[in-house]
């Protein structure tokens, strides 16, 4: 008998979540969904966080990236993270600049 891995358990939990919330899953995966709005986006993100389905939050944001209420989140989060870490010893400005340059290699 094959041992169920931790990843298998996560996948099974995720599939059960999809089965329990098929309408939410459809909203998450359908770009330009007519029913999607900022309030529903907030609700979905809160529910996904509550269920610890963090990866799906990023899927949700990417699928709906062209919505006006989602477009600027990447820039806002990036600038917030940079400003919080700019003067830190562990990951300060030098490392941030290295990370940016690495992206362009």
PDB file of N, CA and C in Angstrom:
ATOM      1  N   UNK A   1       0.846  -1.188   0.000  1.00  0.00           N
ATOM      2  CA  UNK A   1       0.000   0.000   0.000  1.00  0.00           C
ATOM      3  C   UNK A   1       0.888   1.247   0.000  1.00  0.00           C
ATOM      4  N   UNK A   2       0.586   2.165  -0.879  1.00  0.00           N
ATOM      5  CA  UNK A   2       1.371   3.383  -1.013  1.00  0.00           C
ATOM      6  C   UNK A   2       1.049   4.346   0.127  1.00  0.00           C
ATOM      7  N   UNK A   3       2.092   4.912   0.689  1.00  0.00           N
ATOM      8  CA  UNK A   3       1.940   5.876   1.776  1.00  0.00           C
ATOM      9  C   UNK A   3       1.441   7.207   1.214  1.00  0.00           C
ATOM     10  N   UNK A   4       0.487   7.816   1.894  1.00  0.00           N
ATOM     11  CA  UNK A   4      -0.031   9.122   1.488  1.00  0.00           C
ATOM     12  C   UNK A   4       0.932  10.188   2.007  1.00  0.00           C
ATOM     13  N   UNK A   5       1.436  10.990   1.079  1.00  0.00           N
ATOM     14  CA  UNK A   5       2.384  12.033   1.441  1.00  0.00           C
ATOM     15  C   UNK A   5       1.660  13.268   1.975  1.00  0.00           C
ATOM     16  N   UNK A   6       2.454  14.164   2.538  1.00  0.00           N
ATOM     17  CA  UNK A   6       1.906  15.435   3.025  1.00  0.00           C
ATOM     18  C   UNK A   6       1.275  16.205   1.865  1.00  0.00           C
ATOM     19  N   UNK A   7       1.947  16.178   0.713  1.00  0.00           N
ATOM     20  CA  UNK A   7       1.423  16.881  -0.468  1.00  0.00           C
ATOM     21  C   UNK A   7       0.110  16.256  -0.932  1.00  0.00           C
ATOM     22  N   UNK A   8       0.019  14.911  -0.876  1.00  0.00           N
ATOM     23  CA  UNK A   8      -1.234  14.230  -1.222  1.00  0.00           C
ATOM     24  C   UNK A   8      -2.367  14.699  -0.322  1.00  0.00           C
ATOM     25  N   UNK A   9      -2.078  14.811   0.964  1.00  0.00           N
ATOM     26  CA  UNK A   9      -3.094  15.261   1.917  1.00  0.00           C
ATOM     27  C   UNK A   9      -3.547  16.686   1.603  1.00  0.00           C
ATOM     28  N   UNK A  10      -2.588  17.549   1.239  1.00  0.00           N
ATOM     29  CA  UNK A  10      -2.933  18.932   0.884  1.00  0.00           C
ATOM     30  C   UNK A  10      -3.805  18.963  -0.367  1.00  0.00           C
ATOM     31  N   UNK A  11      -3.460  18.130  -1.338  1.00  0.00           N
ATOM     32  CA  UNK A  11      -4.238  18.077  -2.581  1.00  0.00           C
ATOM     33  C   UNK A  11      -5.646  17.578  -2.309  1.00  0.00           C
ATOM     34  N   UNK A  12      -5.769  16.549  -1.506  1.00  0.00           N
ATOM     35  CA  UNK A  12      -7.090  16.009  -1.155  1.00  0.00           C
ATOM     36  C   UNK A  12      -7.915  17.062  -0.429  1.00  0.00           C
ATOM     37  N   UNK A  13      -7.299  17.775   0.498  1.00  0.00           N
ATOM     38  CA  UNK A  13      -8.009  18.838   1.232  1.00  0.00           C
ATOM     39  C   UNK A  13      -8.475  19.924   0.274  1.00  0.00           C
ATOM     40  N   UNK A  14      -7.607  20.285  -0.670  1.00  0.00           N
ATOM     41  CA  UNK A  14      -7.954  21.299  -1.658  1.00  0.00           C
ATOM     42  C   UNK A  14      -9.109  20.835  -2.550  1.00  0.00           C
ATOM     43  N   UNK A  15      -9.048  19.604  -3.019  1.00  0.00           N
ATOM     44  CA  UNK A  15     -10.118  19.077  -3.864  1.00  0.00           C
ATOM     45  C   UNK A  15     -11.447  19.015  -3.118  1.00  0.00           C
ATOM     46  N   UNK A  16     -11.390  18.692  -1.835  1.00  0.00           N
ATOM     47  CA  UNK A  16     -12.613  18.699  -1.018  1.00  0.00           C
ATOM     48  C   UNK A  16     -13.148  20.117  -0.879  1.00  0.00           C
ATOM     49  N   UNK A  17     -12.248  21.088  -0.756  1.00  0.00           N
ATOM     50  CA  UNK A  17     -12.677  22.488  -0.680  1.00  0.00           C
ATOM     51  C   UNK A  17     -13.373  22.896  -1.974  1.00  0.00           C
ATOM     52  N   UNK A  18     -12.802  22.526  -3.119  1.00  0.00           N
ATOM     53  CA  UNK A  18     -13.431  22.831  -4.412  1.00  0.00           C
ATOM     54  C   UNK A  18     -14.815  22.195  -4.485  1.00  0.00           C
ATOM     55  N   UNK A  19     -14.923  20.972  -4.037  1.00  0.00           N
ATOM     56  CA  UNK A  19     -16.214  20.270  -4.057  1.00  0.00           C
ATOM     57  C   UNK A  19     -17.237  20.956  -3.155  1.00  0.00           C
ATOM     58  N   UNK A  20     -16.773  21.489  -2.036  1.00  0.00           N
ATOM     59  CA  UNK A  20     -17.659  22.167  -1.086  1.00  0.00           C
ATOM     60  C   UNK A  20     -18.069  23.555  -1.582  1.00  0.00           C
ATOM     61  N   UNK A  21     -17.160  24.228  -2.319  1.00  0.00           N
ATOM     62  CA  UNK A  21     -17.407  25.596  -2.788  1.00  0.00           C
ATOM     63  C   UNK A  21     -17.204  25.713  -4.306  1.00  0.00           C
ATOM     64  N   UNK A  22     -17.987  24.983  -5.111  1.00  0.00           N
ATOM     65  CA  UNK A  22     -17.762  25.017  -6.563  1.00  0.00           C
ATOM     66  C   UNK A  22     -18.007  26.388  -7.188  1.00  0.00           C
ATOM     67  N   UNK A  23     -18.934  27.148  -6.644  1.00  0.00           N
ATOM     68  CA  UNK A  23     -19.211  28.482  -7.184  1.00  0.00           C
ATOM     69  C   UNK A  23     -18.031  29.401  -6.919  1.00  0.00           C
ATOM     70  N   UNK A  24     -17.461  29.320  -5.735  1.00  0.00           N
ATOM     71  CA  UNK A  24     -16.281  30.141  -5.427  1.00  0.00           C
ATOM     72  C   UNK A  24     -15.123  29.758  -6.336  1.00  0.00           C
ATOM     73  N   UNK A  25     -14.938  28.450  -6.556  1.00  0.00           N
ATOM     74  CA  UNK A  25     -13.856  27.994  -7.415  1.00  0.00           C
ATOM     75  C   UNK A  25     -14.042  28.546  -8.832  1.00  0.00           C
ATOM     76  N   UNK A  26     -15.268  28.550  -9.306  1.00  0.00           N
ATOM     77  CA  UNK A  26     -15.552  29.105 -10.631  1.00  0.00           C
ATOM     78  C   UNK A  26     -15.237  30.600 -10.664  1.00  0.00           C
ATOM     79  N   UNK A  27     -15.606  31.327  -9.614  1.00  0.00           N
ATOM     80  CA  UNK A  27     -15.299  32.759  -9.534  1.00  0.00           C
ATOM     81  C   UNK A  27     -13.792  32.996  -9.522  1.00  0.00           C
ATOM     82  N   UNK A  28     -13.078  32.176  -8.804  1.00  0.00           N
ATOM     83  CA  UNK A  28     -11.626  32.306  -8.707  1.00  0.00           C
ATOM     84  C   UNK A  28     -10.977  32.106 -10.073  1.00  0.00           C
ATOM     85  N   UNK A  29     -11.440  31.147 -10.825  1.00  0.00           N
ATOM     86  CA  UNK A  29     -10.770  30.722 -12.061  1.00  0.00           C
ATOM     87  C   UNK A  29     -11.277  31.379 -13.340  1.00  0.00           C
ATOM     88  N   UNK A  30     -12.298  32.198 -13.261  1.00  0.00           N
ATOM     89  CA  UNK A  30     -12.894  32.754 -14.474  1.00  0.00           C
ATOM     90  C   UNK A  30     -12.565  34.233 -14.612  1.00  0.00           C
ATOM     91  N   UNK A  31     -11.670  34.575 -15.552  1.00  0.00           N
ATOM     92  CA  UNK A  31     -11.388  35.997 -15.764  1.00  0.00           C
ATOM     93  C   UNK A  31     -12.615  36.701 -16.325  1.00  0.00           C
ATOM     94  N   UNK A  32     -12.745  37.968 -15.999  1.00  0.00           N
ATOM     95  CA  UNK A  32     -13.870  38.791 -16.456  1.00  0.00           C
ATOM     96  C   UNK A  32     -15.231  38.251 -16.017  1.00  0.00           C
ATOM     97  N   UNK A  33     -15.247  37.533 -14.940  1.00  0.00           N
ATOM     98  CA  UNK A  33     -16.503  37.006 -14.391  1.00  0.00           C
ATOM     99  C   UNK A  33     -17.402  38.176 -14.020  1.00  0.00           C
ATOM    100  N   UNK A  34     -18.606  38.182 -14.546  1.00  0.00           N
ATOM    101  CA  UNK A  34     -19.499  39.327 -14.361  1.00  0.00           C
ATOM    102  C   UNK A  34     -19.904  39.567 -12.907  1.00  0.00           C
ATOM    103  N   UNK A  35     -19.903  38.541 -12.091  1.00  0.00           N
ATOM    104  CA  UNK A  35     -20.321  38.693 -10.693  1.00  0.00           C
ATOM    105  C   UNK A  35     -19.186  39.114  -9.766  1.00  0.00           C
ATOM    106  N   UNK A  36     -17.949  39.058 -10.264  1.00  0.00           N
ATOM    107  CA  UNK A  36     -16.809  39.395  -9.422  1.00  0.00           C
ATOM    108  C   UNK A  36     -16.760  40.904  -9.198  1.00  0.00           C
ATOM    109  N   UNK A  37     -16.514  41.280  -7.962  1.00  0.00           N
ATOM    110  CA  UNK A  37     -16.356  42.690  -7.612  1.00  0.00           C
ATOM    111  C   UNK A  37     -15.401  42.779  -6.420  1.00  0.00           C
ATOM    112  N   UNK A  38     -15.124  43.992  -5.989  1.00  0.00           N
ATOM    113  CA  UNK A  38     -14.144  44.178  -4.921  1.00  0.00           C
ATOM    114  C   UNK A  38     -14.582  43.499  -3.618  1.00  0.00           C
ATOM    115  N   UNK A  39     -15.838  43.599  -3.278  1.00  0.00           N
ATOM    116  CA  UNK A  39     -16.314  42.985  -2.033  1.00  0.00           C
ATOM    117  C   UNK A  39     -16.201  41.456  -2.096  1.00  0.00           C
ATOM    118  N   UNK A  40     -16.559  40.885  -3.232  1.00  0.00           N
ATOM    119  CA  UNK A  40     -16.446  39.437  -3.395  1.00  0.00           C
ATOM    120  C   UNK A  40     -14.976  39.006  -3.370  1.00  0.00           C
ATOM    121  N   UNK A  41     -14.113  39.803  -3.969  1.00  0.00           N
ATOM    122  CA  UNK A  41     -12.671  39.534  -3.935  1.00  0.00           C
ATOM    123  C   UNK A  41     -12.175  39.494  -2.487  1.00  0.00           C
ATOM    124  N   UNK A  42     -12.587  40.466  -1.708  1.00  0.00           N
ATOM    125  CA  UNK A  42     -12.187  40.499  -0.281  1.00  0.00           C
ATOM    126  C   UNK A  42     -12.699  39.265   0.446  1.00  0.00           C
ATOM    127  N   UNK A  43     -13.947  38.899   0.197  1.00  0.00           N
ATOM    128  CA  UNK A  43     -14.546  37.731   0.843  1.00  0.00           C
ATOM    129  C   UNK A  43     -13.775  36.468   0.475  1.00  0.00           C
ATOM    130  N   UNK A  44     -13.467  36.316  -0.805  1.00  0.00           N
ATOM    131  CA  UNK A  44     -12.727  35.134  -1.249  1.00  0.00           C
ATOM    132  C   UNK A  44     -11.342  35.075  -0.615  1.00  0.00           C
ATOM    133  N   UNK A  45     -10.653  36.192  -0.589  1.00  0.00           N
ATOM    134  CA  UNK A  45      -9.310  36.215   0.005  1.00  0.00           C
ATOM    135  C   UNK A  45      -9.373  35.862   1.489  1.00  0.00           C
ATOM    136  N   UNK A  46     -10.340  36.413   2.203  1.00  0.00           N
ATOM    137  CA  UNK A  46     -10.495  36.091   3.628  1.00  0.00           C
ATOM    138  C   UNK A  46     -10.778  34.605   3.827  1.00  0.00           C
ATOM    139  N   UNK A  47     -11.659  34.047   3.008  1.00  0.00           N
ATOM    140  CA  UNK A  47     -12.007  32.634   3.134  1.00  0.00           C
ATOM    141  C   UNK A  47     -10.815  31.743   2.797  1.00  0.00           C
ATOM    142  N   UNK A  48     -10.101  32.080   1.730  1.00  0.00           N
ATOM    143  CA  UNK A  48      -8.927  31.297   1.352  1.00  0.00           C
ATOM    144  C   UNK A  48      -7.855  31.355   2.441  1.00  0.00           C
ATOM    145  N   UNK A  49      -7.661  32.517   3.026  1.00  0.00           N
ATOM    146  CA  UNK A  49      -6.693  32.647   4.119  1.00  0.00           C
ATOM    147  C   UNK A  49      -7.144  31.832   5.327  1.00  0.00           C
ATOM    148  N   UNK A  50      -8.417  31.892   5.633  1.00  0.00           N
ATOM    149  CA  UNK A  50      -8.967  31.121   6.758  1.00  0.00           C
ATOM    150  C   UNK A  50      -8.739  29.626   6.545  1.00  0.00           C
ATOM    151  N   UNK A  51      -8.891  29.183   5.311  1.00  0.00           N
ATOM    152  CA  UNK A  51      -8.699  27.770   4.973  1.00  0.00           C
ATOM    153  C   UNK A  51      -7.222  27.422   4.732  1.00  0.00           C
ATOM    154  N   UNK A  52      -6.349  28.423   4.847  1.00  0.00           N
ATOM    155  CA  UNK A  52      -4.910  28.281   4.621  1.00  0.00           C
ATOM    156  C   UNK A  52      -4.596  27.821   3.195  1.00  0.00           C
ATOM    157  N   UNK A  53      -5.397  28.292   2.242  1.00  0.00           N
ATOM    158  CA  UNK A  53      -5.175  28.015   0.825  1.00  0.00           C
ATOM    159  C   UNK A  53      -4.502  29.246   0.210  1.00  0.00           C
ATOM    160  N   UNK A  54      -3.342  29.558   0.742  1.00  0.00           N
ATOM    161  CA  UNK A  54      -2.648  30.792   0.387  1.00  0.00           C
ATOM    162  C   UNK A  54      -2.265  30.864  -1.093  1.00  0.00           C
ATOM    163  N   UNK A  55      -1.837  29.746  -1.670  1.00  0.00           N
ATOM    164  CA  UNK A  55      -1.438  29.753  -3.080  1.00  0.00           C
ATOM    165  C   UNK A  55      -2.586  30.187  -3.973  1.00  0.00           C
ATOM    166  N   UNK A  56      -3.793  29.819  -3.606  1.00  0.00           N
ATOM    167  CA  UNK A  56      -4.961  30.127  -4.427  1.00  0.00           C
ATOM    168  C   UNK A  56      -5.262  31.624  -4.395  1.00  0.00           C
ATOM    169  N   UNK A  57      -4.855  32.313  -3.339  1.00  0.00           N
ATOM    170  CA  UNK A  57      -5.008  33.777  -3.306  1.00  0.00           C
ATOM    171  C   UNK A  57      -4.220  34.387  -4.461  1.00  0.00           C
ATOM    172  N   UNK A  58      -3.011  33.879  -4.700  1.00  0.00           N
ATOM    173  CA  UNK A  58      -2.198  34.398  -5.797  1.00  0.00           C
ATOM    174  C   UNK A  58      -2.787  34.025  -7.155  1.00  0.00           C
ATOM    175  N   UNK A  59      -3.385  32.845  -7.247  1.00  0.00           N
ATOM    176  CA  UNK A  59      -4.084  32.456  -8.477  1.00  0.00           C
ATOM    177  C   UNK A  59      -5.245  33.413  -8.719  1.00  0.00           C
ATOM    178  N   UNK A  60      -6.019  33.667  -7.691  1.00  0.00           N
ATOM    179  CA  UNK A  60      -7.152  34.589  -7.772  1.00  0.00           C
ATOM    180  C   UNK A  60      -6.706  35.964  -8.266  1.00  0.00           C
ATOM    181  N   UNK A  61      -5.657  36.483  -7.678  1.00  0.00           N
ATOM    182  CA  UNK A  61      -5.157  37.808  -8.072  1.00  0.00           C
ATOM    183  C   UNK A  61      -4.638  37.814  -9.504  1.00  0.00           C
ATOM    184  N   UNK A  62      -3.989  36.743  -9.917  1.00  0.00           N
ATOM    185  CA  UNK A  62      -3.473  36.684 -11.287  1.00  0.00           C
ATOM    186  C   UNK A  62      -4.613  36.553 -12.305  1.00  0.00           C
ATOM    187  N   UNK A  63      -5.570  35.712 -12.014  1.00  0.00           N
ATOM    188  CA  UNK A  63      -6.694  35.521 -12.939  1.00  0.00           C
ATOM    189  C   UNK A  63      -7.451  36.825 -13.145  1.00  0.00           C
ATOM    190  N   UNK A  64      -7.585  37.599 -12.072  1.00  0.00           N
ATOM    191  CA  UNK A  64      -8.372  38.842 -12.138  1.00  0.00           C
ATOM    192  C   UNK A  64      -7.485  40.091 -12.180  1.00  0.00           C
ATOM    193  N   UNK A  65      -6.259  39.935 -12.636  1.00  0.00           N
ATOM    194  CA  UNK A  65      -5.277  41.031 -12.629  1.00  0.00           C
ATOM    195  C   UNK A  65      -5.695  42.237 -13.453  1.00  0.00           C
ATOM    196  N   UNK A  66      -6.582  42.076 -14.408  1.00  0.00           N
ATOM    197  CA  UNK A  66      -6.994  43.200 -15.243  1.00  0.00           C
ATOM    198  C   UNK A  66      -8.183  43.976 -14.677  1.00  0.00           C
ATOM    199  N   UNK A  67      -8.723  43.526 -13.585  1.00  0.00           N
ATOM    200  CA  UNK A  67      -9.813  44.263 -12.931  1.00  0.00           C
ATOM    201  C   UNK A  67      -9.224  45.519 -12.286  1.00  0.00           C
ATOM    202  N   UNK A  68      -9.977  46.600 -12.336  1.00  0.00           N
ATOM    203  CA  UNK A  68      -9.449  47.869 -11.816  1.00  0.00           C
ATOM    204  C   UNK A  68      -9.080  47.771 -10.343  1.00  0.00           C
ATOM    205  N   UNK A  69      -9.810  47.001  -9.579  1.00  0.00           N
ATOM    206  CA  UNK A  69      -9.549  46.903  -8.140  1.00  0.00           C
ATOM    207  C   UNK A  69      -8.399  45.952  -7.823  1.00  0.00           C
ATOM    208  N   UNK A  70      -7.807  45.293  -8.826  1.00  0.00           N
ATOM    209  CA  UNK A  70      -6.690  44.379  -8.606  1.00  0.00           C
ATOM    210  C   UNK A  70      -5.404  44.906  -9.246  1.00  0.00           C
ATOM    211  N   UNK A  71      -5.526  45.709 -10.284  1.00  0.00           N
ATOM    212  CA  UNK A  71      -4.379  46.125 -11.100  1.00  0.00           C
ATOM    213  C   UNK A  71      -3.195  46.648 -10.298  1.00  0.00           C
ATOM    214  N   UNK A  72      -3.425  47.477  -9.348  1.00  0.00           N
ATOM    215  CA  UNK A  72      -2.322  48.143  -8.655  1.00  0.00           C
ATOM    216  C   UNK A  72      -1.817  47.410  -7.414  1.00  0.00           C
ATOM    217  N   UNK A  73      -2.366  46.255  -7.103  1.00  0.00           N
ATOM    218  CA  UNK A  73      -1.971  45.567  -5.864  1.00  0.00           C
ATOM    219  C   UNK A  73      -0.507  45.134  -5.903  1.00  0.00           C
ATOM    220  N   UNK A  74      -0.035  44.658  -7.043  1.00  0.00           N
ATOM    221  CA  UNK A  74       1.360  44.228  -7.124  1.00  0.00           C
ATOM    222  C   UNK A  74       2.312  45.369  -6.814  1.00  0.00           C
ATOM    223  N   UNK A  75       2.058  46.514  -7.421  1.00  0.00           N
ATOM    224  CA  UNK A  75       2.921  47.666  -7.169  1.00  0.00           C
ATOM    225  C   UNK A  75       2.834  48.117  -5.718  1.00  0.00           C
ATOM    226  N   UNK A  76       1.642  48.156  -5.179  1.00  0.00           N
ATOM    227  CA  UNK A  76       1.467  48.610  -3.802  1.00  0.00           C
ATOM    228  C   UNK A  76       2.167  47.671  -2.827  1.00  0.00           C
ATOM    229  N   UNK A  77       1.989  46.377  -3.001  1.00  0.00           N
ATOM    230  CA  UNK A  77       2.608  45.397  -2.106  1.00  0.00           C
ATOM    231  C   UNK A  77       4.128  45.433  -2.262  1.00  0.00           C
ATOM    232  N   UNK A  78       4.602  45.505  -3.498  1.00  0.00           N
ATOM    233  CA  UNK A  78       6.041  45.579  -3.732  1.00  0.00           C
ATOM    234  C   UNK A  78       6.651  46.792  -3.041  1.00  0.00           C
ATOM    235  N   UNK A  79       6.043  47.944  -3.219  1.00  0.00           N
ATOM    236  CA  UNK A  79       6.584  49.155  -2.597  1.00  0.00           C
ATOM    237  C   UNK A  79       6.524  49.082  -1.077  1.00  0.00           C
ATOM    238  N   UNK A  80       5.465  48.519  -0.534  1.00  0.00           N
ATOM    239  CA  UNK A  80       5.368  48.343   0.920  1.00  0.00           C
ATOM    240  C   UNK A  80       6.482  47.428   1.437  1.00  0.00           C
ATOM    241  N   UNK A  81       6.702  46.321   0.733  1.00  0.00           N
ATOM    242  CA  UNK A  81       7.726  45.372   1.163  1.00  0.00           C
ATOM    243  C   UNK A  81       9.121  45.983   1.060  1.00  0.00           C
ATOM    244  N   UNK A  82       9.377  46.693  -0.013  1.00  0.00           N
ATOM    245  CA  UNK A  82      10.686  47.328  -0.171  1.00  0.00           C
ATOM    246  C   UNK A  82      10.903  48.369   0.923  1.00  0.00           C
ATOM    247  N   UNK A  83       9.905  49.188   1.166  1.00  0.00           N
ATOM    248  CA  UNK A  83      10.072  50.234   2.178  1.00  0.00           C
ATOM    249  C   UNK A  83      10.267  49.646   3.573  1.00  0.00           C
ATOM    250  N   UNK A  84       9.630  48.521   3.865  1.00  0.00           N
ATOM    251  CA  UNK A  84       9.788  47.877   5.173  1.00  0.00           C
ATOM    252  C   UNK A  84      11.163  47.227   5.330  1.00  0.00           C
ATOM    253  N   UNK A  85      11.748  46.770   4.228  1.00  0.00           N
ATOM    254  CA  UNK A  85      13.009  46.023   4.303  1.00  0.00           C
ATOM    255  C   UNK A  85      14.231  46.817   3.867  1.00  0.00           C
ATOM    256  N   UNK A  86      14.057  48.011   3.381  1.00  0.00           N
ATOM    257  CA  UNK A  86      15.150  48.790   2.799  1.00  0.00           C
ATOM    258  C   UNK A  86      16.327  48.959   3.769  1.00  0.00           C
ATOM    259  N   UNK A  87      16.060  49.290   5.004  1.00  0.00           N
ATOM    260  CA  UNK A  87      17.130  49.577   5.966  1.00  0.00           C
ATOM    261  C   UNK A  87      17.470  48.382   6.868  1.00  0.00           C
ATOM    262  N   UNK A  88      16.847  47.241   6.643  1.00  0.00           N
ATOM    263  CA  UNK A  88      17.128  46.057   7.460  1.00  0.00           C
ATOM    264  C   UNK A  88      18.526  45.531   7.182  1.00  0.00           C
ATOM    265  N   UNK A  89      19.174  45.011   8.211  1.00  0.00           N
ATOM    266  CA  UNK A  89      20.522  44.456   8.040  1.00  0.00           C
ATOM    267  C   UNK A  89      20.484  43.163   7.239  1.00  0.00           C
ATOM    268  N   UNK A  90      19.504  42.307   7.536  1.00  0.00           N
ATOM    269  CA  UNK A  90      19.463  40.991   6.904  1.00  0.00           C
ATOM    270  C   UNK A  90      19.127  41.083   5.412  1.00  0.00           C
ATOM    271  N   UNK A  91      18.131  41.853   5.043  1.00  0.00           N
ATOM    272  CA  UNK A  91      17.728  41.972   3.634  1.00  0.00           C
ATOM    273  C   UNK A  91      17.513  43.437   3.333  1.00  0.00           C
ATOM    274  N   UNK A  92      18.571  44.158   3.320  1.00  0.00           N
ATOM    275  CA  UNK A  92      18.502  45.590   3.086  1.00  0.00           C
ATOM    276  C   UNK A  92      18.592  45.943   1.621  1.00  0.00           C
ATOM    277  N   UNK A  93      18.894  47.197   1.395  1.00  0.00           N
ATOM    278  CA  UNK A  93      18.890  47.736   0.029  1.00  0.00           C
ATOM    279  C   UNK A  93      19.834  47.008  -0.915  1.00  0.00           C
ATOM    280  N   UNK A  94      21.004  46.571  -0.415  1.00  0.00           N
ATOM    281  CA  UNK A  94      21.947  45.866  -1.292  1.00  0.00           C
ATOM    282  C   UNK A  94      21.333  44.564  -1.810  1.00  0.00           C
ATOM    283  N   UNK A  95      20.693  43.820  -0.923  1.00  0.00           N
ATOM    284  CA  UNK A  95      20.080  42.550  -1.334  1.00  0.00           C
ATOM    285  C   UNK A  95      18.872  42.805  -2.233  1.00  0.00           C
ATOM    286  N   UNK A  96      18.114  43.829  -1.935  1.00  0.00           N
ATOM    287  CA  UNK A  96      16.960  44.167  -2.775  1.00  0.00           C
ATOM    288  C   UNK A  96      17.422  44.491  -4.195  1.00  0.00           C
ATOM    289  N   UNK A  97      18.470  45.283  -4.303  1.00  0.00           N
ATOM    290  CA  UNK A  97      19.010  45.629  -5.622  1.00  0.00           C
ATOM    291  C   UNK A  97      19.532  44.376  -6.327  1.00  0.00           C
ATOM    292  N   UNK A  98      20.230  43.482  -5.594  1.00  0.00           N
ATOM    293  CA  UNK A  98      20.707  42.228  -6.174  1.00  0.00           C
ATOM    294  C   UNK A  98      19.534  41.401  -6.695  1.00  0.00           C
ATOM    295  N   UNK A  99      18.463  41.333  -5.906  1.00  0.00           N
ATOM    296  CA  UNK A  99      17.279  40.559  -6.320  1.00  0.00           C
ATOM    297  C   UNK A  99      16.658  41.132  -7.592  1.00  0.00           C
ATOM    298  N   UNK A 100      16.600  42.444  -7.680  1.00  0.00           N
ATOM    299  CA  UNK A 100      16.042  43.100  -8.874  1.00  0.00           C
ATOM    300  C   UNK A 100      16.923  42.801 -10.084  1.00  0.00           C
ATOM    301  N   UNK A 101      18.238  42.938  -9.922  1.00  0.00           N
ATOM    302  CA  UNK A 101      19.163  42.670 -11.030  1.00  0.00           C
ATOM    303  C   UNK A 101      19.121  41.210 -11.469  1.00  0.00           C
ATOM    304  N   UNK A 102      18.976  40.317 -10.514  1.00  0.00           N
ATOM    305  CA  UNK A 102      18.896  38.877 -10.841  1.00  0.00           C
ATOM    306  C   UNK A 102      17.702  38.597 -11.742  1.00  0.00           C
ATOM    307  N   UNK A 103      16.627  39.286 -11.519  1.00  0.00           N
ATOM    308  CA  UNK A 103      15.433  39.110 -12.331  1.00  0.00           C
ATOM    309  C   UNK A 103      15.708  39.439 -13.794  1.00  0.00           C
ATOM    310  N   UNK A 104      16.580  40.404 -14.054  1.00  0.00           N
ATOM    311  CA  UNK A 104      16.847  40.848 -15.419  1.00  0.00           C
ATOM    312  C   UNK A 104      17.981  40.077 -16.100  1.00  0.00           C
ATOM    313  N   UNK A 105      18.522  39.050 -15.434  1.00  0.00           N
ATOM    314  CA  UNK A 105      19.587  38.243 -16.041  1.00  0.00           C
ATOM    315  C   UNK A 105      19.040  37.323 -17.117  1.00  0.00           C
TER     316      UNK A 105
END
